[in-house]
Amino acid sequence: VTTVRVETARQMLAACRAALPADAAVMVAAVADWRPAQASGAKLKKTKGEGGHIDLAENPDILKTVSSGPARPKLVVGFAAETGDLEAQAKAKLAYKGCDWIVANDVSEEGVMGGVDNTVLLVTAAGGEAWPKLPKAEVAQRLADRIAAALAS
């Protein structure tokens, strides 16, 4: 297990690459898809009658990079916080990212964000498996048990 404090998505990607090779990668961090293209050293002032404009640049796709790199772990697990059509979005993310599993949840459900319980859908190439509403610690333990079993087989 490797834990590193990072400030940017590029630093996080570098830390992930430095942690390889590994048997499994469990990619739980929520990295923003976009960042401001230019950092400002000063406050962006509001101008009367004009809307603000910030150009965006895409952050590196850490999950996709780890899933496709030469030092790819045996098992790559990604997460998907979604709203609406959970299974379809999770399957699409599984295919696009090239990982082995996606643990998806519907963050529009009351109590998921900041709550103690969660309902997840584990999506693999074989299909989806809905887990019942469980305390988040139990979801984590169930996932850890699954990962251990997959690596042992």
C-alpha atoms as a PDB file:
ATOM      1  CA  VAL A   1       0.000   0.000   0.000  1.00  0.00           C
ATOM      2  CA  THR A   2       1.364   3.379  -1.006  1.00  0.00           C
ATOM      3  CA  THR A   3       0.024   6.704   0.300  1.00  0.00           C
ATOM      4  CA  VAL A   4       1.343  10.025  -1.017  1.00  0.00           C
ATOM      5  CA  ARG A   5       0.093  13.588  -0.519  1.00  0.00           C
ATOM      6  CA  VAL A   6      -0.250  15.351  -3.862  1.00  0.00           C
ATOM      7  CA  GLU A   7      -1.346  18.803  -4.965  1.00  0.00           C
ATOM      8  CA  THR A   8      -2.224  18.228  -8.618  1.00  0.00           C
ATOM      9  CA  ALA A   9      -3.507  15.481 -10.879  1.00  0.00           C
ATOM     10  CA  ARG A  10      -0.109  15.356 -12.602  1.00  0.00           C
ATOM     11  CA  GLN A  11       1.591  14.707  -9.262  1.00  0.00           C
ATOM     12  CA  MET A  12      -0.994  12.034  -8.481  1.00  0.00           C
ATOM     13  CA  LEU A  13      -0.326  10.331 -11.821  1.00  0.00           C
ATOM     14  CA  ALA A  14       3.426  10.417 -11.157  1.00  0.00           C
ATOM     15  CA  ALA A  15       2.884   8.925  -7.684  1.00  0.00           C
ATOM     16  CA  CYS A  16       0.722   6.141  -9.152  1.00  0.00           C
ATOM     17  CA  ARG A  17       3.340   5.308 -11.765  1.00  0.00           C
ATOM     18  CA  ALA A  18       6.058   5.288  -9.081  1.00  0.00           C
ATOM     19  CA  ALA A  19       4.019   2.781  -7.029  1.00  0.00           C
ATOM     20  CA  LEU A  20       4.011   0.252  -9.899  1.00  0.00           C
ATOM     21  CA  PRO A  21       4.406  -2.634 -10.317  1.00  0.00           C
ATOM     22  CA  ALA A  22       1.610  -3.788  -8.020  1.00  0.00           C
ATOM     23  CA  ASP A  23      -0.735  -6.747  -7.821  1.00  0.00           C
ATOM     24  CA  ALA A  24      -3.798  -4.494  -7.594  1.00  0.00           C
ATOM     25  CA  ALA A  25      -4.625  -0.838  -8.042  1.00  0.00           C
ATOM     26  CA  VAL A  26      -7.711   0.450  -6.265  1.00  0.00           C
ATOM     27  CA  MET A  27      -8.269   3.893  -7.712  1.00  0.00           C
ATOM     28  CA  VAL A  28     -10.584   5.628  -5.244  1.00  0.00           C
ATOM     29  CA  ALA A  29      -9.502   9.264  -5.539  1.00  0.00           C
ATOM     30  CA  ALA A  30     -11.925  11.689  -7.123  1.00  0.00           C
ATOM     31  CA  VAL A  31      -9.718  13.670  -9.482  1.00  0.00           C
ATOM     32  CA  ALA A  32     -11.369  16.501 -11.354  1.00  0.00           C
ATOM     33  CA  ASP A  33     -11.658  15.985 -15.093  1.00  0.00           C
ATOM     34  CA  TRP A  34     -10.790  19.640 -15.751  1.00  0.00           C
ATOM     35  CA  ARG A  35      -8.630  22.399 -14.280  1.00  0.00           C
ATOM     36  CA  PRO A  36      -8.159  26.083 -15.147  1.00  0.00           C
ATOM     37  CA  ALA A  37      -5.810  26.306 -18.131  1.00  0.00           C
ATOM     38  CA  GLN A  38      -4.061  29.356 -16.623  1.00  0.00           C
ATOM     39  CA  ALA A  39      -3.494  29.935 -12.932  1.00  0.00           C
ATOM     40  CA  SER A  40      -4.030  33.480 -11.771  1.00  0.00           C
ATOM     41  CA  GLY A  41      -1.771  35.101  -9.227  1.00  0.00           C
ATOM     42  CA  ALA A  42      -4.504  37.547  -8.309  1.00  0.00           C
ATOM     43  CA  LYS A  43      -8.212  37.532  -7.628  1.00  0.00           C
ATOM     44  CA  LEU A  44     -10.334  37.540 -10.767  1.00  0.00           C
ATOM     45  CA  LYS A  45     -12.389  40.707 -10.403  1.00  0.00           C
ATOM     46  CA  LYS A  46     -16.042  40.899 -11.266  1.00  0.00           C
ATOM     47  CA  THR A  47     -16.689  43.468 -14.003  1.00  0.00           C
ATOM     48  CA  LYS A  48     -20.156  45.000 -14.049  1.00  0.00           C
ATOM     49  CA  GLY A  49     -22.208  43.672 -16.924  1.00  0.00           C
ATOM     50  CA  GLU A  50     -19.641  41.102 -18.028  1.00  0.00           C
ATOM     51  CA  GLY A  51     -19.612  37.409 -17.288  1.00  0.00           C
ATOM     52  CA  GLY A  52     -16.427  35.726 -16.208  1.00  0.00           C
ATOM     53  CA  HIS A  53     -14.595  33.334 -18.456  1.00  0.00           C
ATOM     54  CA  ILE A  54     -12.146  30.634 -17.446  1.00  0.00           C
ATOM     55  CA  ASP A  55     -10.504  28.422 -20.044  1.00  0.00           C
ATOM     56  CA  LEU A  56     -10.242  24.800 -18.971  1.00  0.00           C
ATOM     57  CA  ALA A  57      -7.603  22.149 -19.651  1.00  0.00           C
ATOM     58  CA  GLU A  58      -8.138  18.416 -19.272  1.00  0.00           C
ATOM     59  CA  ASN A  59      -6.420  16.677 -16.362  1.00  0.00           C
ATOM     60  CA  PRO A  60      -4.570  13.418 -17.032  1.00  0.00           C
ATOM     61  CA  ASP A  61      -6.789  10.325 -16.867  1.00  0.00           C
ATOM     62  CA  ILE A  62      -5.019   8.429 -14.098  1.00  0.00           C
ATOM     63  CA  LEU A  63      -7.277   5.356 -14.098  1.00  0.00           C
ATOM     64  CA  LYS A  64      -7.030   4.921 -17.868  1.00  0.00           C
ATOM     65  CA  THR A  65      -3.261   5.438 -17.787  1.00  0.00           C
ATOM     66  CA  VAL A  66      -2.687   2.859 -15.039  1.00  0.00           C
ATOM     67  CA  SER A  67      -5.046   0.408 -16.789  1.00  0.00           C
ATOM     68  CA  SER A  68      -3.171   0.606 -20.080  1.00  0.00           C
ATOM     69  CA  GLY A  69       0.435   1.127 -19.053  1.00  0.00           C
ATOM     70  CA  PRO A  70       3.262  -1.366 -19.430  1.00  0.00           C
ATOM     71  CA  ALA A  71       3.350  -2.016 -15.669  1.00  0.00           C
ATOM     72  CA  ARG A  72      -0.424  -2.620 -15.493  1.00  0.00           C
ATOM     73  CA  PRO A  73      -1.441  -4.304 -12.235  1.00  0.00           C
ATOM     74  CA  LYS A  74      -3.109  -7.719 -12.393  1.00  0.00           C
ATOM     75  CA  LEU A  75      -6.340  -6.144 -11.117  1.00  0.00           C
ATOM     76  CA  VAL A  76      -7.418  -2.528 -11.618  1.00  0.00           C
ATOM     77  CA  VAL A  77     -10.484  -1.286  -9.736  1.00  0.00           C
ATOM     78  CA  GLY A  78     -12.052   2.060 -10.520  1.00  0.00           C
ATOM     79  CA  PHE A  79     -14.923   3.946  -8.936  1.00  0.00           C
ATOM     80  CA  ALA A  80     -17.820   5.814 -10.499  1.00  0.00           C
ATOM     81  CA  ALA A  81     -19.944   8.370  -8.685  1.00  0.00           C
ATOM     82  CA  GLU A  82     -22.875   8.764 -11.049  1.00  0.00           C
ATOM     83  CA  THR A  83     -26.352  10.258 -11.304  1.00  0.00           C
ATOM     84  CA  GLY A  84     -28.843   8.346 -13.429  1.00  0.00           C
ATOM     85  CA  ASP A  85     -28.612   5.054 -15.356  1.00  0.00           C
ATOM     86  CA  LEU A  86     -25.957   3.690 -13.031  1.00  0.00           C
ATOM     87  CA  GLU A  87     -25.346   0.353 -14.742  1.00  0.00           C
ATOM     88  CA  ALA A  88     -25.035   1.767 -18.268  1.00  0.00           C
ATOM     89  CA  GLN A  89     -22.657   4.498 -17.150  1.00  0.00           C
ATOM     90  CA  ALA A  90     -20.559   2.063 -15.109  1.00  0.00           C
ATOM     91  CA  LYS A  91     -20.295  -0.386 -18.030  1.00  0.00           C
ATOM     92  CA  ALA A  92     -19.273   2.431 -20.362  1.00  0.00           C
ATOM     93  CA  LYS A  93     -16.627   3.612 -17.896  1.00  0.00           C
ATOM     94  CA  LEU A  94     -15.315   0.056 -17.464  1.00  0.00           C
ATOM     95  CA  ALA A  95     -14.818  -0.249 -21.226  1.00  0.00           C
ATOM     96  CA  TYR A  96     -13.417   3.268 -21.756  1.00  0.00           C
ATOM     97  CA  LYS A  97     -10.982   3.150 -18.850  1.00  0.00           C
ATOM     98  CA  GLY A  98      -9.829  -0.411 -19.557  1.00  0.00           C
ATOM     99  CA  CYS A  99     -10.025  -1.448 -15.915  1.00  0.00           C
ATOM    100  CA  ASP A 100     -11.256  -4.769 -14.560  1.00  0.00           C
ATOM    101  CA  TRP A 101     -13.914  -3.633 -12.124  1.00  0.00           C
ATOM    102  CA  ILE A 102     -15.947  -0.504 -11.484  1.00  0.00           C
ATOM    103  CA  VAL A 103     -17.549   0.127  -8.111  1.00  0.00           C
ATOM    104  CA  ALA A 104     -20.407   2.478  -8.925  1.00  0.00           C
ATOM    105  CA  ASN A 105     -22.857   4.346  -6.784  1.00  0.00           C
ATOM    106  CA  ASP A 106     -25.655   6.803  -7.402  1.00  0.00           C
ATOM    107  CA  VAL A 107     -24.626   9.993  -5.627  1.00  0.00           C
ATOM    108  CA  SER A 108     -28.070  11.531  -6.139  1.00  0.00           C
ATOM    109  CA  GLU A 109     -29.439   9.115  -3.517  1.00  0.00           C
ATOM    110  CA  GLU A 110     -29.964  10.805  -0.171  1.00  0.00           C
ATOM    111  CA  GLY A 111     -27.235  10.064   2.376  1.00  0.00           C
ATOM    112  CA  VAL A 112     -24.667   8.602  -0.039  1.00  0.00           C
ATOM    113  CA  MET A 113     -22.419  11.656   0.062  1.00  0.00           C
ATOM    114  CA  GLY A 114     -21.384  12.227   3.663  1.00  0.00           C
ATOM    115  CA  GLY A 115     -23.525   9.402   5.017  1.00  0.00           C
ATOM    116  CA  VAL A 116     -22.495   6.208   6.773  1.00  0.00           C
ATOM    117  CA  ASP A 117     -24.196   3.776   4.370  1.00  0.00           C
ATOM    118  CA  ASN A 118     -23.850   3.129   0.673  1.00  0.00           C
ATOM    119  CA  THR A 119     -25.440   1.048  -2.042  1.00  0.00           C
ATOM    120  CA  VAL A 120     -23.012   0.040  -4.785  1.00  0.00           C
ATOM    121  CA  LEU A 121     -23.022  -1.816  -8.052  1.00  0.00           C
ATOM    122  CA  LEU A 122     -19.908  -3.871  -8.790  1.00  0.00           C
ATOM    123  CA  VAL A 123     -19.466  -4.036 -12.565  1.00  0.00           C
ATOM    124  CA  THR A 124     -17.072  -6.469 -14.231  1.00  0.00           C
ATOM    125  CA  ALA A 125     -16.762  -7.866 -17.743  1.00  0.00           C
ATOM    126  CA  ALA A 126     -19.135 -10.641 -16.588  1.00  0.00           C
ATOM    127  CA  GLY A 127     -21.879  -8.158 -15.646  1.00  0.00           C
ATOM    128  CA  GLY A 128     -23.161  -6.175 -12.713  1.00  0.00           C
ATOM    129  CA  GLU A 129     -23.816  -7.215  -9.136  1.00  0.00           C
ATOM    130  CA  ALA A 130     -25.947  -4.918  -6.969  1.00  0.00           C
ATOM    131  CA  TRP A 131     -24.946  -4.924  -3.304  1.00  0.00           C
ATOM    132  CA  PRO A 132     -27.530  -4.145  -0.640  1.00  0.00           C
ATOM    133  CA  LYS A 133     -27.364  -0.962   1.397  1.00  0.00           C
ATOM    134  CA  LEU A 134     -24.468  -1.489   3.815  1.00  0.00           C
ATOM    135  CA  PRO A 135     -22.330   0.585   6.165  1.00  0.00           C
ATOM    136  CA  LYS A 136     -19.430   2.001   4.145  1.00  0.00           C
ATOM    137  CA  ALA A 137     -16.933   0.052   6.272  1.00  0.00           C
ATOM    138  CA  GLU A 138     -18.705  -3.169   5.307  1.00  0.00           C
ATOM    139  CA  VAL A 139     -18.685  -2.180   1.626  1.00  0.00           C
ATOM    140  CA  ALA A 140     -14.914  -1.657   1.926  1.00  0.00           C
ATOM    141  CA  GLN A 141     -14.419  -5.019   3.671  1.00  0.00           C
ATOM    142  CA  ARG A 142     -16.533  -6.840   1.085  1.00  0.00           C
ATOM    143  CA  LEU A 143     -14.507  -5.223  -1.704  1.00  0.00           C
ATOM    144  CA  ALA A 144     -11.196  -6.079  -0.011  1.00  0.00           C
ATOM    145  CA  ASP A 145     -12.331  -9.707   0.342  1.00  0.00           C
ATOM    146  CA  ARG A 146     -13.248  -9.798  -3.363  1.00  0.00           C
ATOM    147  CA  ILE A 147      -9.893  -8.377  -4.367  1.00  0.00           C
ATOM    148  CA  ALA A 148      -8.035 -10.912  -2.213  1.00  0.00           C
ATOM    149  CA  ALA A 149     -10.050 -13.783  -3.703  1.00  0.00           C
ATOM    150  CA  ALA A 150      -9.430 -12.550  -7.259  1.00  0.00           C
ATOM    151  CA  LEU A 151      -5.688 -12.264  -6.686  1.00  0.00           C
ATOM    152  CA  ALA A 152      -5.553 -15.720  -5.049  1.00  0.00           C
ATOM    153  CA  SER A 153      -7.207 -17.432  -8.024  1.00  0.00           C
END
